[in-house]
């Protein structure tokens, strides 16, 4: 269903597909922590379960589909980057999925939205004025 929504010609359904894809990746790639109990019954530390290869591949396949779609439209890209940023702020995504996001998606974001200025601007070059009595 998500793939159909992603490839739908109506932007409304495509946006729903992007949000659904991010939620599915969040659910698949969520670090599930279980307490490690010692013989005394005291919690020793939290360790996350490893991500199975099948679940990892499902999450990566969905992310690849979204990357194809967001290359076609800036609005879709903005929506995806915003939703994915909210998911990543929790910090509970497995490292394998984070590596893919870092390698494939972060570079695209930087290419599209981050501009490095080569001009050195001093404070005297920028016109500043106070607004609203501040």
N, C-alpha and C. Protein backbone atom coordinates (compact mmCIF):
# COMPACT_ATOMS: atom_id res chain seq x y z
N UNK A 1 0.83 -1.18 0.00
CA UNK A 1 0.00 0.00 0.00
C UNK A 1 0.88 1.26 0.00
N UNK A 2 1.95 1.21 0.78
CA UNK A 2 2.83 2.38 0.86
C UNK A 2 3.48 2.66 -0.49
N UNK A 3 3.88 1.62 -1.19
CA UNK A 3 4.49 1.82 -2.51
C UNK A 3 3.49 2.43 -3.49
N UNK A 4 2.24 1.98 -3.42
CA UNK A 4 1.21 2.57 -4.28
C UNK A 4 1.01 4.04 -3.95
N UNK A 5 0.99 4.36 -2.66
CA UNK A 5 0.82 5.75 -2.28
C UNK A 5 2.02 6.60 -2.71
N UNK A 6 3.22 6.06 -2.57
CA UNK A 6 4.41 6.82 -2.96
C UNK A 6 4.42 7.15 -4.45
N UNK A 7 3.93 6.25 -5.26
CA UNK A 7 3.96 6.44 -6.71
C UNK A 7 2.66 7.02 -7.26
N UNK A 8 1.76 7.42 -6.38
CA UNK A 8 0.48 7.98 -6.82
C UNK A 8 0.70 9.36 -7.42
N UNK A 9 -0.10 9.70 -8.43
CA UNK A 9 0.05 11.00 -9.09
C UNK A 9 -0.50 12.15 -8.26
N UNK A 10 -1.43 11.87 -7.36
CA UNK A 10 -2.00 12.91 -6.49
C UNK A 10 -1.03 13.19 -5.34
N UNK A 11 -0.58 14.44 -5.19
CA UNK A 11 0.38 14.76 -4.13
C UNK A 11 -0.10 14.42 -2.73
N UNK A 12 -1.40 14.48 -2.51
CA UNK A 12 -1.95 14.16 -1.19
C UNK A 12 -1.63 12.72 -0.80
N UNK A 13 -1.84 11.80 -1.73
CA UNK A 13 -1.57 10.39 -1.43
C UNK A 13 -0.08 10.13 -1.34
N UNK A 14 0.69 10.84 -2.12
CA UNK A 14 2.14 10.69 -2.05
C UNK A 14 2.66 11.15 -0.69
N UNK A 15 2.13 12.25 -0.19
CA UNK A 15 2.53 12.74 1.13
C UNK A 15 2.15 11.75 2.22
N UNK A 16 0.97 11.16 2.09
CA UNK A 16 0.55 10.14 3.06
C UNK A 16 1.51 8.95 2.99
N UNK A 17 1.92 8.57 1.80
CA UNK A 17 2.87 7.47 1.63
C UNK A 17 4.23 7.76 2.24
N UNK A 18 4.69 9.00 2.11
CA UNK A 18 5.98 9.38 2.68
C UNK A 18 5.92 9.30 4.21
N UNK A 19 4.86 9.84 4.78
CA UNK A 19 4.71 9.79 6.24
C UNK A 19 4.60 8.35 6.71
N UNK A 20 3.83 7.54 5.99
CA UNK A 20 3.68 6.13 6.36
C UNK A 20 5.02 5.39 6.26
N UNK A 21 5.79 5.69 5.23
CA UNK A 21 7.10 5.04 5.06
C UNK A 21 8.03 5.38 6.22
N UNK A 22 8.03 6.63 6.64
CA UNK A 22 8.88 7.03 7.76
C UNK A 22 8.43 6.33 9.04
N UNK A 23 7.14 6.22 9.25
CA UNK A 23 6.63 5.54 10.45
C UNK A 23 7.00 4.06 10.42
N UNK A 24 6.89 3.43 9.25
CA UNK A 24 7.25 2.01 9.14
C UNK A 24 8.74 1.81 9.41
N UNK A 25 9.58 2.68 8.85
CA UNK A 25 11.02 2.57 9.09
C UNK A 25 11.31 2.78 10.58
N UNK A 26 10.59 3.70 11.20
CA UNK A 26 10.77 3.93 12.64
C UNK A 26 10.41 2.68 13.43
N UNK A 27 9.31 2.05 13.07
CA UNK A 27 8.87 0.84 13.79
C UNK A 27 9.81 -0.34 13.54
N UNK A 28 10.24 -0.51 12.31
CA UNK A 28 11.13 -1.63 11.98
C UNK A 28 12.50 -1.41 12.61
N UNK A 29 13.01 -0.20 12.52
CA UNK A 29 14.37 0.07 12.97
C UNK A 29 14.50 0.52 14.41
N UNK A 30 13.41 0.47 15.16
CA UNK A 30 13.43 0.92 16.55
C UNK A 30 14.29 -0.02 17.39
N UNK A 31 15.18 0.56 18.18
CA UNK A 31 15.99 -0.25 19.10
C UNK A 31 15.09 -0.70 20.24
N UNK A 32 14.91 -2.00 20.32
CA UNK A 32 14.11 -2.54 21.42
C UNK A 32 15.06 -2.92 22.53
N UNK A 33 14.89 -2.27 23.66
CA UNK A 33 15.78 -2.50 24.77
C UNK A 33 15.13 -3.44 25.77
N UNK A 34 15.91 -4.41 26.21
CA UNK A 34 15.44 -5.33 27.23
C UNK A 34 16.43 -5.31 28.38
N UNK A 35 15.95 -5.37 29.58
CA UNK A 35 16.87 -5.36 30.72
C UNK A 35 17.63 -6.68 30.81
N UNK A 36 18.88 -6.59 31.18
CA UNK A 36 19.71 -7.76 31.41
C UNK A 36 19.78 -7.96 32.92
N UNK A 37 19.17 -9.03 33.41
CA UNK A 37 19.09 -9.25 34.85
C UNK A 37 20.26 -10.13 35.30
N UNK A 38 20.81 -9.79 36.45
CA UNK A 38 21.86 -10.60 37.05
C UNK A 38 21.21 -11.69 37.89
N UNK A 39 22.01 -12.50 38.52
CA UNK A 39 21.47 -13.58 39.36
C UNK A 39 20.70 -13.03 40.54
N UNK A 40 21.03 -11.83 40.99
CA UNK A 40 20.33 -11.24 42.13
C UNK A 40 19.02 -10.59 41.73
N UNK A 41 18.71 -10.55 40.46
CA UNK A 41 17.47 -9.95 40.01
C UNK A 41 17.57 -8.44 39.86
N UNK A 42 18.76 -7.91 39.85
CA UNK A 42 18.96 -6.48 39.70
C UNK A 42 19.31 -6.19 38.24
N UNK A 43 18.73 -5.12 37.72
CA UNK A 43 19.00 -4.77 36.33
C UNK A 43 20.45 -4.33 36.19
N UNK A 44 21.17 -4.98 35.28
CA UNK A 44 22.58 -4.67 35.08
C UNK A 44 22.75 -3.55 34.06
N UNK A 45 22.23 -3.72 32.85
CA UNK A 45 22.33 -2.71 31.80
C UNK A 45 21.31 -3.00 30.72
N UNK A 46 21.05 -2.02 29.89
CA UNK A 46 20.13 -2.20 28.77
C UNK A 46 20.93 -2.43 27.50
N UNK A 47 20.53 -3.44 26.76
CA UNK A 47 21.16 -3.72 25.48
C UNK A 47 20.07 -3.85 24.44
N UNK A 48 20.32 -3.36 23.24
CA UNK A 48 19.30 -3.45 22.20
C UNK A 48 19.42 -4.77 21.46
N UNK A 49 18.29 -5.28 21.02
CA UNK A 49 18.28 -6.50 20.22
C UNK A 49 18.89 -6.21 18.86
N UNK A 50 19.60 -7.19 18.30
CA UNK A 50 20.11 -6.96 16.95
C UNK A 50 18.96 -6.95 15.94
N UNK A 51 19.15 -6.21 14.87
CA UNK A 51 18.15 -6.10 13.82
C UNK A 51 18.34 -7.27 12.86
N UNK A 52 17.28 -8.03 12.61
CA UNK A 52 17.39 -9.17 11.72
C UNK A 52 17.64 -8.70 10.29
N UNK A 53 18.33 -9.52 9.49
CA UNK A 53 18.62 -9.11 8.11
C UNK A 53 17.36 -8.85 7.28
N UNK A 54 16.28 -9.62 7.53
CA UNK A 54 15.05 -9.42 6.79
C UNK A 54 14.41 -8.07 7.13
N UNK A 55 14.38 -7.74 8.40
CA UNK A 55 13.78 -6.47 8.82
C UNK A 55 14.63 -5.29 8.34
N UNK A 56 15.94 -5.47 8.39
CA UNK A 56 16.83 -4.41 7.89
C UNK A 56 16.58 -4.18 6.40
N UNK A 57 16.47 -5.26 5.64
CA UNK A 57 16.25 -5.13 4.20
C UNK A 57 14.90 -4.49 3.90
N UNK A 58 13.87 -4.82 4.68
CA UNK A 58 12.57 -4.19 4.49
C UNK A 58 12.65 -2.68 4.70
N UNK A 59 13.32 -2.27 5.76
CA UNK A 59 13.45 -0.84 6.05
C UNK A 59 14.25 -0.14 4.96
N UNK A 60 15.33 -0.77 4.50
CA UNK A 60 16.16 -0.16 3.46
C UNK A 60 15.42 -0.08 2.13
N UNK A 61 14.62 -1.10 1.82
CA UNK A 61 13.83 -1.06 0.59
C UNK A 61 12.83 0.09 0.60
N UNK A 62 12.18 0.29 1.73
CA UNK A 62 11.23 1.40 1.84
C UNK A 62 11.95 2.73 1.70
N UNK A 63 13.10 2.87 2.36
CA UNK A 63 13.86 4.11 2.26
C UNK A 63 14.32 4.37 0.83
N UNK A 64 14.71 3.32 0.13
CA UNK A 64 15.14 3.48 -1.28
C UNK A 64 13.99 3.96 -2.15
N UNK A 65 12.79 3.43 -1.90
CA UNK A 65 11.61 3.88 -2.66
C UNK A 65 11.34 5.36 -2.39
N UNK A 66 11.47 5.77 -1.14
CA UNK A 66 11.22 7.17 -0.80
C UNK A 66 12.27 8.06 -1.45
N UNK A 67 13.52 7.63 -1.47
CA UNK A 67 14.57 8.43 -2.09
C UNK A 67 14.28 8.65 -3.57
N UNK A 68 13.77 7.63 -4.24
CA UNK A 68 13.40 7.78 -5.66
C UNK A 68 12.31 8.83 -5.82
N UNK A 69 11.33 8.80 -4.93
CA UNK A 69 10.20 9.71 -5.03
C UNK A 69 10.59 11.14 -4.70
N UNK A 70 11.41 11.34 -3.67
CA UNK A 70 11.73 12.70 -3.26
C UNK A 70 12.65 13.41 -4.25
N UNK A 71 13.29 12.65 -5.12
CA UNK A 71 14.11 13.28 -6.15
C UNK A 71 13.28 14.02 -7.19
N UNK A 72 11.99 13.70 -7.25
CA UNK A 72 11.12 14.29 -8.26
C UNK A 72 10.46 15.59 -7.84
N UNK A 73 10.41 15.87 -6.55
CA UNK A 73 9.66 17.03 -6.09
C UNK A 73 10.26 17.57 -4.79
N UNK A 74 10.45 18.87 -4.73
CA UNK A 74 11.05 19.51 -3.56
C UNK A 74 10.12 19.43 -2.35
N UNK A 75 8.82 19.59 -2.57
CA UNK A 75 7.87 19.51 -1.46
C UNK A 75 7.92 18.14 -0.79
N UNK A 76 8.01 17.11 -1.60
CA UNK A 76 8.10 15.76 -1.06
C UNK A 76 9.40 15.58 -0.28
N UNK A 77 10.48 16.12 -0.81
CA UNK A 77 11.77 16.03 -0.12
C UNK A 77 11.73 16.74 1.22
N UNK A 78 11.15 17.93 1.24
CA UNK A 78 11.05 18.68 2.50
C UNK A 78 10.23 17.92 3.53
N UNK A 79 9.12 17.37 3.10
CA UNK A 79 8.28 16.59 4.01
C UNK A 79 9.05 15.40 4.56
N UNK A 80 9.73 14.68 3.69
CA UNK A 80 10.49 13.51 4.13
C UNK A 80 11.59 13.90 5.11
N UNK A 81 12.37 14.92 4.77
CA UNK A 81 13.47 15.33 5.65
C UNK A 81 12.95 15.80 7.01
N UNK A 82 11.83 16.48 7.02
CA UNK A 82 11.24 16.94 8.27
C UNK A 82 10.78 15.76 9.12
N UNK A 83 10.07 14.83 8.51
CA UNK A 83 9.57 13.66 9.25
C UNK A 83 10.72 12.78 9.73
N UNK A 84 11.71 12.59 8.88
CA UNK A 84 12.85 11.75 9.27
C UNK A 84 13.67 12.41 10.37
N UNK A 85 13.78 13.73 10.34
CA UNK A 85 14.50 14.44 11.40
C UNK A 85 13.82 14.23 12.74
N UNK A 86 12.49 14.24 12.75
CA UNK A 86 11.75 14.00 13.99
C UNK A 86 12.01 12.60 14.53
N UNK A 87 12.10 11.63 13.63
CA UNK A 87 12.36 10.25 14.05
C UNK A 87 13.79 10.13 14.58
N UNK A 88 14.73 10.75 13.91
CA UNK A 88 16.13 10.62 14.31
C UNK A 88 16.45 11.36 15.60
N UNK A 89 15.65 12.35 15.94
CA UNK A 89 15.88 13.09 17.18
C UNK A 89 15.71 12.20 18.41
N UNK A 90 14.90 11.16 18.30
CA UNK A 90 14.72 10.23 19.42
C UNK A 90 15.98 9.44 19.70
N UNK A 91 16.78 9.18 18.66
CA UNK A 91 18.02 8.43 18.82
C UNK A 91 17.83 6.95 19.08
N UNK A 92 16.69 6.40 18.67
CA UNK A 92 16.40 5.00 18.95
C UNK A 92 16.29 4.17 17.67
N UNK A 93 17.07 4.52 16.66
CA UNK A 93 17.09 3.77 15.41
C UNK A 93 18.39 2.97 15.36
N UNK A 94 18.30 1.74 14.88
CA UNK A 94 19.47 0.87 14.79
C UNK A 94 20.56 1.50 13.92
N UNK A 95 21.78 1.15 14.26
CA UNK A 95 22.93 1.72 13.57
C UNK A 95 22.98 1.36 12.09
N UNK A 96 22.51 0.18 11.72
CA UNK A 96 22.53 -0.22 10.31
C UNK A 96 21.67 0.71 9.46
N UNK A 97 20.53 1.09 9.98
CA UNK A 97 19.64 2.00 9.26
C UNK A 97 20.21 3.41 9.30
N UNK A 98 20.80 3.80 10.43
CA UNK A 98 21.43 5.11 10.51
C UNK A 98 22.58 5.24 9.51
N UNK A 99 23.33 4.16 9.32
CA UNK A 99 24.42 4.19 8.34
C UNK A 99 23.90 4.44 6.94
N UNK A 100 22.81 3.76 6.58
CA UNK A 100 22.21 3.98 5.26
C UNK A 100 21.73 5.41 5.11
N UNK A 101 21.06 5.91 6.13
CA UNK A 101 20.55 7.28 6.09
C UNK A 101 21.71 8.26 5.95
N UNK A 102 22.77 8.02 6.69
CA UNK A 102 23.93 8.90 6.61
C UNK A 102 24.58 8.84 5.23
N UNK A 103 24.75 7.64 4.70
CA UNK A 103 25.45 7.49 3.42
C UNK A 103 24.61 7.95 2.23
N UNK A 104 23.33 7.63 2.22
CA UNK A 104 22.50 7.86 1.04
C UNK A 104 21.68 9.15 1.10
N UNK A 105 21.13 9.46 2.26
CA UNK A 105 20.14 10.53 2.33
C UNK A 105 20.74 11.84 2.82
N UNK A 106 21.63 11.79 3.78
CA UNK A 106 22.22 13.02 4.31
C UNK A 106 23.01 13.77 3.25
N UNK A 107 23.74 13.04 2.43
CA UNK A 107 24.49 13.68 1.35
C UNK A 107 23.57 14.38 0.37
N UNK A 108 22.45 13.77 0.07
CA UNK A 108 21.48 14.38 -0.84
C UNK A 108 20.91 15.66 -0.22
N UNK A 109 20.61 15.61 1.06
CA UNK A 109 20.10 16.81 1.74
C UNK A 109 21.12 17.94 1.66
N UNK A 110 22.37 17.62 1.93
CA UNK A 110 23.41 18.64 1.88
C UNK A 110 23.58 19.20 0.48
N UNK A 111 23.50 18.34 -0.52
CA UNK A 111 23.62 18.81 -1.90
C UNK A 111 22.47 19.74 -2.28
N UNK A 112 21.27 19.43 -1.80
CA UNK A 112 20.09 20.19 -2.19
C UNK A 112 19.89 21.46 -1.38
N UNK A 113 20.20 21.45 -0.09
CA UNK A 113 19.78 22.54 0.78
C UNK A 113 20.90 23.30 1.49
N UNK A 114 22.11 22.77 1.52
CA UNK A 114 23.19 23.44 2.22
C UNK A 114 24.11 24.11 1.21
N UNK A 115 24.31 25.38 1.39
CA UNK A 115 25.16 26.14 0.48
C UNK A 115 26.34 26.68 1.27
N UNK A 116 27.52 26.43 0.75
CA UNK A 116 28.71 26.97 1.37
C UNK A 116 29.05 28.28 0.70
N UNK A 117 29.21 29.29 1.51
CA UNK A 117 29.53 30.60 0.98
C UNK A 117 31.03 30.73 0.84
N UNK A 118 31.47 31.17 -0.32
CA UNK A 118 32.89 31.37 -0.53
C UNK A 118 33.27 32.82 -0.29
N UNK A 119 32.27 33.70 -0.21
CA UNK A 119 32.53 35.11 0.04
C UNK A 119 32.66 35.33 1.54
N UNK A 120 33.69 36.05 1.92
CA UNK A 120 33.86 36.41 3.32
C UNK A 120 33.15 37.73 3.56
N UNK A 121 32.08 37.66 4.32
CA UNK A 121 31.32 38.85 4.62
C UNK A 121 31.69 39.35 6.00
N UNK A 122 31.99 40.60 6.11
CA UNK A 122 32.22 41.19 7.42
C UNK A 122 30.91 41.77 7.92
N UNK A 123 30.89 42.11 9.18
CA UNK A 123 29.66 42.65 9.75
C UNK A 123 29.30 43.99 9.15
N UNK A 124 30.28 44.71 8.60
CA UNK A 124 29.97 46.00 8.00
C UNK A 124 29.29 45.85 6.64
N UNK A 125 29.41 44.66 6.02
CA UNK A 125 28.79 44.43 4.72
C UNK A 125 27.30 44.10 4.84
N UNK A 126 26.86 43.74 6.02
CA UNK A 126 25.48 43.32 6.22
C UNK A 126 24.70 44.49 6.81
N UNK A 127 23.63 44.86 6.16
CA UNK A 127 22.80 45.95 6.62
C UNK A 127 21.84 45.43 7.69
N UNK A 128 21.98 45.97 8.88
CA UNK A 128 21.14 45.57 9.99
C UNK A 128 20.25 46.74 10.41
N UNK A 129 19.04 46.43 10.78
CA UNK A 129 18.15 47.45 11.31
C UNK A 129 17.22 46.83 12.34
N UNK A 130 16.78 47.63 13.25
CA UNK A 130 15.89 47.15 14.30
C UNK A 130 14.45 47.20 13.81
N UNK A 131 13.72 46.19 14.16
CA UNK A 131 12.31 46.13 13.79
C UNK A 131 11.47 45.97 15.04
N UNK A 132 10.28 46.46 14.98
CA UNK A 132 9.28 46.30 16.03
C UNK A 132 9.76 46.85 17.37
N UNK A 133 10.60 47.87 17.33
CA UNK A 133 11.03 48.52 18.56
C UNK A 133 11.99 47.70 19.39
N UNK A 134 12.65 46.75 18.79
CA UNK A 134 13.59 45.90 19.55
C UNK A 134 14.97 46.49 19.57
